[in-house]
């Protein structure tokens, strides 16, 4: 490997291993994509599993909020890519020579507000105050920011303006500010998926060899709407007895998320109430990474449903890219970026919010659409969302990493100038919240603070 290539440290804040959620998948894919152009080191918050040794770049473990485990890697790098929230675990990063690439693809405030909504107001306010402290630091300490869509980029520009990052120095260098924040959406592997073995048809209890499969591929987070999907299947099952709704991922692979609120319990209860559980509507824990291509390839249709919230206005559903990768038509609630992508390429249909009758009709209709008729549309989307193309702005930056114009000039924006006060205030807030934490809730709140 040439020694003159820029040295890029990619840091995942979520588990990377045999079972992964969206964040771990994203950072593994970005590390792989960058490794074709620069010298990559990949840091993960868990011991590396054996198969990661074949990636072709170093994979090392670190611990969150433990600077000595990350410092040697950071000091040996020309640029460091990490999630915005993870950056505030390590405020000393702001003073290193390395350029900081902060990934804001997953707006954490919008998720967190939904996560804590069921807790007493004083706990919600305590979490929110800590969140605001961290946000102020995040938008000051980065040199290049990533987001997942043009809609998100507008939101990021507002955050940067509020943080003082849109100033005479950054505007003079780049009036469009693409060098400060640009779009790197979720992407997909340029190579088509291959199934290692059958996973669903004739294998999963309740699914016959000829059954049609409708997939809910992601989690059951509070801002999503699996209950409408289950209600729709009461209508579908009255018409066809060969269609199954599969929720393969109801338990997140990161143990720190065990206490996070989801619709999992309510979804199963509704399926039981409607007489659909374990017969028409099927639940699993989490699909191993190696089996995910098979799940996609065996699916006839996919769902991405939500209620209109602040989170869904900003979100980009990474699981949808898996559906595109495997050419699975998708029904998505109208109004979010996922539905816009589906509509733009003609890969499915936007459905009304919380309307089980309309959803059931769409499911029955799309099960009759020949997959071959969509081949051209999927091929166009697959080309546009292949990781090398999606990550092009990041690749360009990593080939010539640099500090942002205002940070190079020493404009007084560095997060570390307020580091002692930030740490003191966060410590006080954590002590307050800790008075309420019990059992699974303590794990959930710890995880939420680290999102």
Protein backbone atom coordinates (compact mmCIF):
# COMPACT_ATOMS: atom_id res chain seq x y z
CA UNK A 1 0.00 0.00 0.00
CA UNK A 2 1.45 3.42 -0.95
CA UNK A 3 2.55 5.34 2.11
CA UNK A 4 1.79 8.75 0.61
CA UNK A 5 -1.97 8.20 0.54
CA UNK A 6 -3.96 10.29 3.05
CA UNK A 7 -4.55 8.43 6.32
CA UNK A 8 -8.25 8.37 7.18
CA UNK A 9 -9.63 7.10 10.48
CA UNK A 10 -13.25 5.95 10.17
CA UNK A 11 -14.96 5.58 13.57
CA UNK A 12 -18.27 3.76 14.02
CA UNK A 13 -20.36 4.62 17.07
CA UNK A 14 -22.47 1.47 16.70
CA UNK A 15 -21.71 -2.25 16.76
CA UNK A 16 -19.99 -3.72 13.69
CA UNK A 17 -20.03 -7.50 13.59
CA UNK A 18 -22.17 -10.50 12.73
CA UNK A 19 -25.36 -8.53 13.44
CA UNK A 20 -25.58 -4.84 12.60
CA UNK A 21 -28.07 -1.99 12.47
CA UNK A 22 -28.05 0.92 10.04
CA UNK A 23 -25.17 2.94 11.58
CA UNK A 24 -22.76 0.01 11.70
CA UNK A 25 -23.63 -0.91 8.12
CA UNK A 26 -23.06 2.69 7.00
CA UNK A 27 -19.60 3.06 8.52
CA UNK A 28 -18.43 -0.34 7.33
CA UNK A 29 -19.55 0.56 3.80
CA UNK A 30 -17.85 3.96 3.97
CA UNK A 31 -14.61 2.39 5.22
CA UNK A 32 -14.69 -0.11 2.36
CA UNK A 33 -15.44 2.59 -0.22
CA UNK A 34 -12.71 4.93 1.01
CA UNK A 35 -10.15 2.12 1.17
CA UNK A 36 -10.02 2.07 -2.63
CA UNK A 37 -8.60 5.61 -2.56
CA UNK A 38 -6.92 6.31 0.79
CA UNK A 39 -5.28 4.46 3.70
CA UNK A 40 -8.15 3.55 6.03
CA UNK A 41 -8.15 2.49 9.67
CA UNK A 42 -11.56 1.42 10.98
CA UNK A 43 -12.31 1.86 14.70
CA UNK A 44 -15.35 0.13 16.21
CA UNK A 45 -16.81 0.09 19.76
CA UNK A 46 -16.68 -3.70 20.10
CA UNK A 47 -14.03 -6.42 19.68
CA UNK A 48 -13.62 -7.16 15.95
CA UNK A 49 -15.18 -10.43 14.77
CA UNK A 50 -13.00 -12.80 12.74
CA UNK A 51 -14.44 -12.00 9.33
CA UNK A 52 -13.40 -8.33 9.62
CA UNK A 53 -9.77 -9.43 9.33
CA UNK A 54 -10.38 -9.96 5.60
CA UNK A 55 -11.43 -6.37 4.94
CA UNK A 56 -8.01 -5.26 3.70
CA UNK A 57 -7.60 -2.45 6.24
CA UNK A 58 -6.92 -2.42 10.00
CA UNK A 59 -9.99 -2.86 12.21
CA UNK A 60 -9.40 -1.91 15.85
CA UNK A 61 -11.52 -1.52 18.95
CA UNK A 62 -11.94 1.62 21.05
CA UNK A 63 -14.15 2.58 23.99
CA UNK A 64 -16.53 5.51 24.04
CA UNK A 65 -15.63 8.36 26.40
CA UNK A 66 -12.15 6.79 26.78
CA UNK A 67 -9.74 9.12 24.97
CA UNK A 68 -6.59 6.97 25.42
CA UNK A 69 -8.23 4.18 23.37
CA UNK A 70 -8.74 6.52 20.41
CA UNK A 71 -5.97 9.10 20.77
CA UNK A 72 -3.09 7.14 19.12
CA UNK A 73 -5.27 6.38 16.10
CA UNK A 74 -6.46 9.98 15.86
CA UNK A 75 -2.96 11.47 16.11
CA UNK A 76 -1.75 9.19 13.29
CA UNK A 77 -4.49 10.36 10.91
CA UNK A 78 -4.86 13.15 8.36
CA UNK A 79 -8.66 13.14 8.68
CA UNK A 80 -11.15 11.50 11.02
CA UNK A 81 -14.71 10.53 10.02
CA UNK A 82 -17.20 10.03 12.83
CA UNK A 83 -20.77 10.67 13.84
CA UNK A 84 -21.55 14.16 15.17
CA UNK A 85 -22.56 12.85 18.60
CA UNK A 86 -19.46 10.71 18.93
CA UNK A 87 -17.33 13.82 18.40
CA UNK A 88 -18.49 15.28 21.70
CA UNK A 89 -17.35 12.12 23.50
CA UNK A 90 -13.85 13.16 22.44
CA UNK A 91 -13.66 17.00 22.49
CA UNK A 92 -9.85 16.87 22.30
CA UNK A 93 -10.27 15.92 18.63
CA UNK A 94 -10.93 19.60 17.89
CA UNK A 95 -7.32 20.52 18.73
CA UNK A 96 -5.59 17.85 16.63
CA UNK A 97 -3.96 18.59 13.25
CA UNK A 98 -6.33 16.10 11.59
CA UNK A 99 -9.38 17.43 9.76
CA UNK A 100 -12.69 16.41 11.34
CA UNK A 101 -15.41 15.00 9.10
CA UNK A 102 -18.64 14.93 11.11
CA UNK A 103 -21.51 12.80 9.84
CA UNK A 104 -24.92 14.33 10.55
CA UNK A 105 -26.90 11.86 8.43
CA UNK A 106 -28.95 10.79 11.47
CA UNK A 107 -30.40 13.90 13.21
CA UNK A 108 -30.20 12.76 16.81
CA UNK A 109 -32.35 15.43 18.44
CA UNK A 110 -35.38 14.39 16.39
CA UNK A 111 -34.96 10.76 17.44
CA UNK A 112 -34.13 11.51 21.04
CA UNK A 113 -37.19 13.67 21.64
CA UNK A 114 -39.36 10.76 20.51
CA UNK A 115 -37.38 8.31 22.66
CA UNK A 116 -37.82 10.24 25.91
CA UNK A 117 -41.39 11.45 25.30
CA UNK A 118 -42.93 8.89 27.66
CA UNK A 119 -40.70 9.86 30.60
CA UNK A 120 -41.45 12.56 33.20
CA UNK A 121 -40.94 16.10 31.95
CA UNK A 122 -37.99 16.84 34.24
CA UNK A 123 -36.12 13.85 32.78
CA UNK A 124 -36.95 15.01 29.26
CA UNK A 125 -35.69 18.53 30.03
CA UNK A 126 -32.48 17.18 31.57
CA UNK A 127 -31.77 15.09 28.48
CA UNK A 128 -32.65 18.03 26.20
CA UNK A 129 -30.28 20.42 28.01
CA UNK A 130 -27.39 18.01 27.64
CA UNK A 131 -28.33 17.49 24.01
CA UNK A 132 -28.25 21.24 23.34
CA UNK A 133 -24.83 21.56 25.00
CA UNK A 134 -23.49 18.84 22.74
CA UNK A 135 -25.09 20.25 19.60
CA UNK A 136 -23.40 23.62 20.12
CA UNK A 137 -20.01 21.90 20.32
CA UNK A 138 -20.63 19.60 17.35
CA UNK A 139 -21.42 22.37 14.89
CA UNK A 140 -18.33 24.33 15.93
CA UNK A 141 -15.65 21.65 15.88
CA UNK A 142 -16.02 20.07 12.42
CA UNK A 143 -14.23 20.87 9.16
CA UNK A 144 -16.53 19.02 6.76
CA UNK A 145 -20.07 17.80 7.49
CA UNK A 146 -22.02 15.02 5.80
CA UNK A 147 -25.78 14.65 5.51
CA UNK A 148 -28.11 12.22 3.75
CA UNK A 149 -30.25 14.43 1.49
CA UNK A 150 -30.67 17.96 0.18
CA UNK A 151 -33.51 18.35 2.68
CA UNK A 152 -31.11 17.48 5.47
CA UNK A 153 -28.49 19.81 4.01
CA UNK A 154 -30.84 22.77 4.38
CA UNK A 155 -31.28 21.79 8.03
CA UNK A 156 -27.49 21.50 8.46
CA UNK A 157 -26.96 24.95 6.95
CA UNK A 158 -29.32 26.36 9.57
CA UNK A 159 -27.37 24.63 12.33
CA UNK A 160 -24.07 25.92 10.93
CA UNK A 161 -25.39 29.46 10.63
CA UNK A 162 -26.58 29.37 14.24
CA UNK A 163 -23.14 28.10 15.30
CA UNK A 164 -21.34 30.94 13.51
CA UNK A 165 -19.82 28.69 10.86
CA UNK A 166 -21.30 30.61 7.94
CA UNK A 167 -19.04 33.64 8.09
CA UNK A 168 -16.85 35.80 5.81
CA UNK A 169 -14.07 33.17 5.82
CA UNK A 170 -16.15 30.13 4.86
CA UNK A 171 -18.22 32.08 2.31
CA UNK A 172 -15.10 33.57 0.67
CA UNK A 173 -13.60 30.11 0.23
CA UNK A 174 -16.78 28.48 -1.09
CA UNK A 175 -19.94 30.57 -1.66
CA UNK A 176 -22.02 27.40 -2.13
CA UNK A 177 -20.58 25.90 1.09
CA UNK A 178 -20.34 22.42 -0.48
CA UNK A 179 -16.85 22.26 0.99
CA UNK A 180 -18.37 22.69 4.45
CA UNK A 181 -21.42 20.42 4.17
CA UNK A 182 -22.39 18.05 1.37
CA UNK A 183 -24.70 15.11 0.73
CA UNK A 184 -23.47 11.54 1.26
CA UNK A 185 -26.67 9.53 1.46
CA UNK A 186 -26.98 5.89 2.34
CA UNK A 187 -25.71 3.77 -0.54
CA UNK A 188 -25.65 0.23 -1.81
CA UNK A 189 -23.06 -2.31 -2.87
CA UNK A 190 -22.39 -2.09 -6.62
CA UNK A 191 -22.37 -5.90 -6.70
CA UNK A 192 -25.85 -7.50 -6.66
CA UNK A 193 -26.90 -9.45 -3.56
CA UNK A 194 -26.32 -13.19 -3.39
CA UNK A 195 -28.10 -15.55 -1.03
CA UNK A 196 -25.88 -17.86 1.00
CA UNK A 197 -28.84 -20.09 1.92
CA UNK A 198 -32.66 -20.00 2.13
CA UNK A 199 -33.82 -18.04 5.17
CA UNK A 200 -37.58 -17.42 4.87
CA UNK A 201 -39.56 -19.60 2.43
CA UNK A 202 -39.91 -23.13 3.70
CA UNK A 203 -37.50 -22.35 6.54
CA UNK A 204 -39.05 -19.73 8.83
CA UNK A 205 -41.94 -21.23 10.84
CA UNK A 206 -45.22 -20.10 9.30
CA UNK A 207 -43.86 -19.39 5.80
CA UNK A 208 -44.57 -21.95 3.10
CA UNK A 209 -42.43 -22.61 0.05
CA UNK A 210 -44.85 -20.72 -2.21
CA UNK A 211 -45.97 -17.94 0.13
CA UNK A 212 -45.61 -14.29 -0.86
CA UNK A 213 -43.54 -12.21 1.57
CA UNK A 214 -44.00 -8.57 2.56
CA UNK A 215 -40.96 -7.32 4.49
CA UNK A 216 -40.65 -4.76 7.26
CA UNK A 217 -36.87 -4.67 7.20
CA UNK A 218 -35.97 -2.12 9.86
CA UNK A 219 -36.65 -1.55 13.54
CA UNK A 220 -39.92 -0.64 15.26
CA UNK A 221 -38.97 2.82 16.54
CA UNK A 222 -41.59 5.18 18.01
CA UNK A 223 -41.74 7.40 14.90
CA UNK A 224 -42.54 4.45 12.60
CA UNK A 225 -45.97 2.91 12.02
CA UNK A 226 -45.94 -0.91 12.06
CA UNK A 227 -49.45 -0.99 13.55
CA UNK A 228 -51.01 0.26 10.32
CA UNK A 229 -49.16 -2.51 8.48
CA UNK A 230 -50.63 -5.14 10.81
CA UNK A 231 -54.14 -3.71 10.51
CA UNK A 232 -53.77 -3.74 6.73
CA UNK A 233 -52.84 -7.41 6.87
CA UNK A 234 -56.14 -8.23 8.54
CA UNK A 235 -57.69 -7.03 5.24
CA UNK A 236 -55.09 -8.79 3.08
CA UNK A 237 -55.54 -12.11 4.91
CA UNK A 238 -59.29 -11.98 4.27
CA UNK A 239 -58.57 -12.02 0.52
CA UNK A 240 -55.42 -14.15 0.24
CA UNK A 241 -54.10 -16.86 2.51
CA UNK A 242 -50.61 -17.00 0.98
CA UNK A 243 -49.22 -13.59 2.02
CA UNK A 244 -47.02 -13.11 5.10
CA UNK A 245 -45.86 -9.93 6.83
CA UNK A 246 -42.40 -10.45 8.33
CA UNK A 247 -40.75 -8.30 11.01
CA UNK A 248 -37.30 -9.96 11.19
CA UNK A 249 -35.65 -7.30 13.38
CA UNK A 250 -37.48 -6.54 16.62
CA UNK A 251 -34.42 -6.67 18.91
CA UNK A 252 -31.51 -4.31 18.22
CA UNK A 253 -28.06 -6.01 18.10
CA UNK A 254 -26.54 -3.35 20.38
CA UNK A 255 -27.24 -4.48 23.99
CA UNK A 256 -27.12 -0.86 25.16
CA UNK A 257 -30.40 -0.28 23.31
CA UNK A 258 -32.31 -2.88 25.33
CA UNK A 259 -34.35 -0.25 27.17
CA UNK A 260 -35.16 1.93 24.16
CA UNK A 261 -38.89 2.35 23.51
CA UNK A 262 -40.25 0.62 20.40
CA UNK A 263 -43.56 -0.62 19.02
CA UNK A 264 -42.46 -4.25 19.40
CA UNK A 265 -44.76 -5.11 22.30
CA UNK A 266 -47.73 -3.22 20.85
CA UNK A 267 -47.18 -4.78 17.42
CA UNK A 268 -47.22 -8.32 18.76
CA UNK A 269 -50.25 -7.56 20.95
CA UNK A 270 -52.17 -6.21 17.95
CA UNK A 271 -51.22 -9.22 15.83
CA UNK A 272 -52.49 -11.50 18.61
CA UNK A 273 -55.70 -9.49 18.98
CA UNK A 274 -56.41 -9.77 15.24
CA UNK A 275 -55.59 -13.49 15.17
CA UNK A 276 -52.61 -12.95 12.87
CA UNK A 277 -49.62 -13.63 15.14
CA UNK A 278 -47.28 -16.47 14.13
CA UNK A 279 -49.60 -17.30 11.25
CA UNK A 280 -49.83 -14.25 8.97
CA UNK A 281 -47.68 -11.74 10.87
CA UNK A 282 -44.30 -13.14 11.92
CA UNK A 283 -41.69 -11.68 14.28
CA UNK A 284 -37.96 -12.35 14.64
CA UNK A 285 -35.15 -10.92 16.77
CA UNK A 286 -32.51 -9.72 14.27
CA UNK A 287 -31.17 -11.10 11.01
CA UNK A 288 -27.44 -11.95 10.92
CA UNK A 289 -25.53 -9.80 8.47
CA UNK A 290 -24.68 -12.80 6.28
CA UNK A 291 -28.38 -13.71 5.89
CA UNK A 292 -29.68 -10.25 5.01
CA UNK A 293 -29.21 -10.63 1.22
CA UNK A 294 -31.30 -13.82 1.29
CA UNK A 295 -34.08 -12.08 3.23
CA UNK A 296 -34.17 -9.32 0.63
CA UNK A 297 -34.09 -11.67 -2.35
CA UNK A 298 -36.92 -13.80 -0.95
CA UNK A 299 -39.17 -10.78 -0.36
CA UNK A 300 -41.86 -9.76 -2.85
CA UNK A 301 -42.65 -6.35 -1.39
CA UNK A 302 -41.29 -4.06 1.35
CA UNK A 303 -42.89 -1.48 3.64
CA UNK A 304 -41.59 1.81 5.07
CA UNK A 305 -44.35 3.45 7.08
CA UNK A 306 -44.34 6.37 9.50
CA UNK A 307 -46.45 9.07 11.10
CA UNK A 308 -45.73 12.70 10.23
CA UNK A 309 -43.24 13.99 12.82
CA UNK A 310 -40.14 16.14 13.04
CA UNK A 311 -38.04 12.97 12.78
CA UNK A 312 -39.69 11.76 9.58
CA UNK A 313 -39.27 15.18 7.97
CA UNK A 314 -35.49 14.85 8.24
CA UNK A 315 -34.88 11.10 8.12
CA UNK A 316 -33.38 9.05 5.30
CA UNK A 317 -34.29 5.37 5.79
CA UNK A 318 -31.11 3.42 5.13
CA UNK A 319 -33.02 0.12 4.99
CA UNK A 320 -34.77 1.37 1.84
CA UNK A 321 -31.45 1.17 0.01
CA UNK A 322 -31.41 -2.55 0.76
CA UNK A 323 -34.77 -2.89 -0.95
CA UNK A 324 -33.44 -1.02 -3.98
CA UNK A 325 -30.29 -3.19 -3.99
CA UNK A 326 -32.41 -6.36 -4.23
CA UNK A 327 -35.05 -4.82 -6.56
CA UNK A 328 -37.85 -5.16 -4.00
CA UNK A 329 -40.81 -2.82 -4.74
CA UNK A 330 -41.60 -0.63 -1.74
CA UNK A 331 -44.72 0.99 -0.33
CA UNK A 332 -43.78 4.07 1.70
CA UNK A 333 -45.80 6.63 3.59
CA UNK A 334 -45.99 9.82 1.56
CA UNK A 335 -44.07 12.87 2.75
CA UNK A 336 -40.56 11.75 3.69
CA UNK A 337 -37.35 11.43 1.68
CA UNK A 338 -37.83 7.67 1.33
CA UNK A 339 -41.17 8.12 -0.43
CA UNK A 340 -39.62 10.79 -2.65
CA UNK A 341 -36.88 8.39 -3.81
CA UNK A 342 -39.40 5.60 -4.44
CA UNK A 343 -41.62 7.95 -6.46
CA UNK A 344 -38.75 9.54 -8.39
CA UNK A 345 -37.58 6.21 -9.78
CA UNK A 346 -40.95 4.44 -9.91
CA UNK A 347 -39.93 1.69 -7.49
CA UNK A 348 -43.23 1.38 -5.67
CA UNK A 349 -45.92 3.68 -4.39
CA UNK A 350 -46.49 6.39 -1.80
CA UNK A 351 -49.41 5.50 0.46
CA UNK A 352 -51.50 7.71 2.78
CA UNK A 353 -50.52 7.94 6.43
CA UNK A 354 -52.26 5.57 8.87
CA UNK A 355 -54.74 4.22 6.29
CA UNK A 356 -54.89 0.40 6.53
CA UNK A 357 -57.53 0.13 3.79
CA UNK A 358 -55.40 2.05 1.28
CA UNK A 359 -52.31 0.10 2.30
CA UNK A 360 -54.06 -3.27 1.95
CA UNK A 361 -55.28 -2.31 -1.52
CA UNK A 362 -51.76 -1.24 -2.50
CA UNK A 363 -50.25 -4.49 -1.20
CA UNK A 364 -52.71 -6.62 -3.16
CA UNK A 365 -52.15 -4.52 -6.28
CA UNK A 366 -48.35 -4.59 -6.13
CA UNK A 367 -48.20 -8.33 -5.54
CA UNK A 368 -49.58 -8.63 -9.08
CA UNK A 369 -47.00 -6.32 -10.70
CA UNK A 370 -44.44 -8.36 -12.71
CA UNK A 371 -40.99 -7.76 -11.22
CA UNK A 372 -39.47 -7.71 -14.72
CA UNK A 373 -41.47 -4.58 -15.57
CA UNK A 374 -39.48 -2.66 -12.94
CA UNK A 375 -36.02 -3.87 -13.97
CA UNK A 376 -35.06 -0.67 -15.79
CA UNK A 377 -36.20 1.58 -12.96
CA UNK A 378 -34.28 -0.43 -10.38
CA UNK A 379 -31.16 -0.47 -12.56
CA UNK A 380 -31.18 3.34 -12.73
CA UNK A 381 -31.61 3.69 -8.97
CA UNK A 382 -28.94 1.08 -8.26
CA UNK A 383 -26.45 2.96 -10.43
CA UNK A 384 -27.25 6.31 -8.81
CA UNK A 385 -27.03 4.99 -5.24
CA UNK A 386 -23.96 2.76 -5.59
CA UNK A 387 -21.56 3.62 -2.77
CA UNK A 388 -18.71 4.88 -5.01
CA UNK A 389 -21.09 7.41 -6.56
CA UNK A 390 -22.93 8.37 -3.36
CA UNK A 391 -19.66 8.84 -1.47
CA UNK A 392 -17.99 10.94 -4.20
CA UNK A 393 -17.99 14.19 -2.13
CA UNK A 394 -16.38 12.34 0.78
CA UNK A 395 -13.80 10.66 -1.46
CA UNK A 396 -12.82 14.04 -2.95
CA UNK A 397 -12.42 15.54 0.49
CA UNK A 398 -10.39 12.63 1.86
CA UNK A 399 -7.97 12.78 -1.07
CA UNK A 400 -7.09 16.33 0.02
CA UNK A 401 -8.29 16.80 3.62
CA UNK A 402 -8.05 20.29 5.07
CA UNK A 403 -9.29 22.33 7.99
CA UNK A 404 -12.28 24.58 7.35
CA UNK A 405 -11.34 28.16 6.45
CA UNK A 406 -12.49 29.64 9.75
CA UNK A 407 -10.76 26.95 11.79
CA UNK A 408 -7.53 27.39 9.81
CA UNK A 409 -7.61 31.11 10.54
CA UNK A 410 -8.16 30.54 14.25
CA UNK A 411 -11.56 32.21 14.42
CA UNK A 412 -12.75 31.71 18.00
CA UNK A 413 -15.18 28.89 17.35
CA UNK A 414 -13.31 25.86 18.67
CA UNK A 415 -15.44 23.68 20.90
CA UNK A 416 -12.49 23.08 23.19
CA UNK A 417 -12.48 26.73 24.29
CA UNK A 418 -15.59 25.86 26.28
CA UNK A 419 -14.64 22.27 27.06
CA UNK A 420 -14.33 22.58 30.86
CA UNK A 421 -17.70 24.32 31.14
CA UNK A 422 -19.31 21.84 28.76
CA UNK A 423 -18.04 18.86 30.72
CA UNK A 424 -19.07 20.40 34.03
CA UNK A 425 -22.58 21.16 32.83
CA UNK A 426 -23.02 17.72 31.27
CA UNK A 427 -21.77 16.08 34.47
CA UNK A 428 -24.32 18.04 36.50
CA UNK A 429 -27.14 17.06 34.15
CA UNK A 430 -26.11 13.41 34.18
CA UNK A 431 -26.10 13.41 37.98
CA UNK A 432 -29.62 14.83 37.96
CA UNK A 433 -30.90 12.27 35.47
CA UNK A 434 -29.14 9.42 37.26
CA UNK A 435 -31.47 9.93 40.19
CA UNK A 436 -34.29 8.60 38.04
CA UNK A 437 -32.49 5.75 36.31
CA UNK A 438 -33.45 2.19 37.13
CA UNK A 439 -32.91 -1.17 35.42
CA UNK A 440 -33.32 -1.12 31.65
CA UNK A 441 -33.97 2.63 31.73
CA UNK A 442 -30.43 3.33 32.92
CA UNK A 443 -29.02 1.44 29.92
CA UNK A 444 -31.38 3.23 27.58
CA UNK A 445 -30.53 6.71 28.86
CA UNK A 446 -26.81 5.94 28.71
CA UNK A 447 -27.19 4.80 25.11
CA UNK A 448 -29.33 7.82 24.21
CA UNK A 449 -26.71 10.20 25.58
CA UNK A 450 -24.15 8.47 23.36
CA UNK A 451 -26.23 8.57 20.16
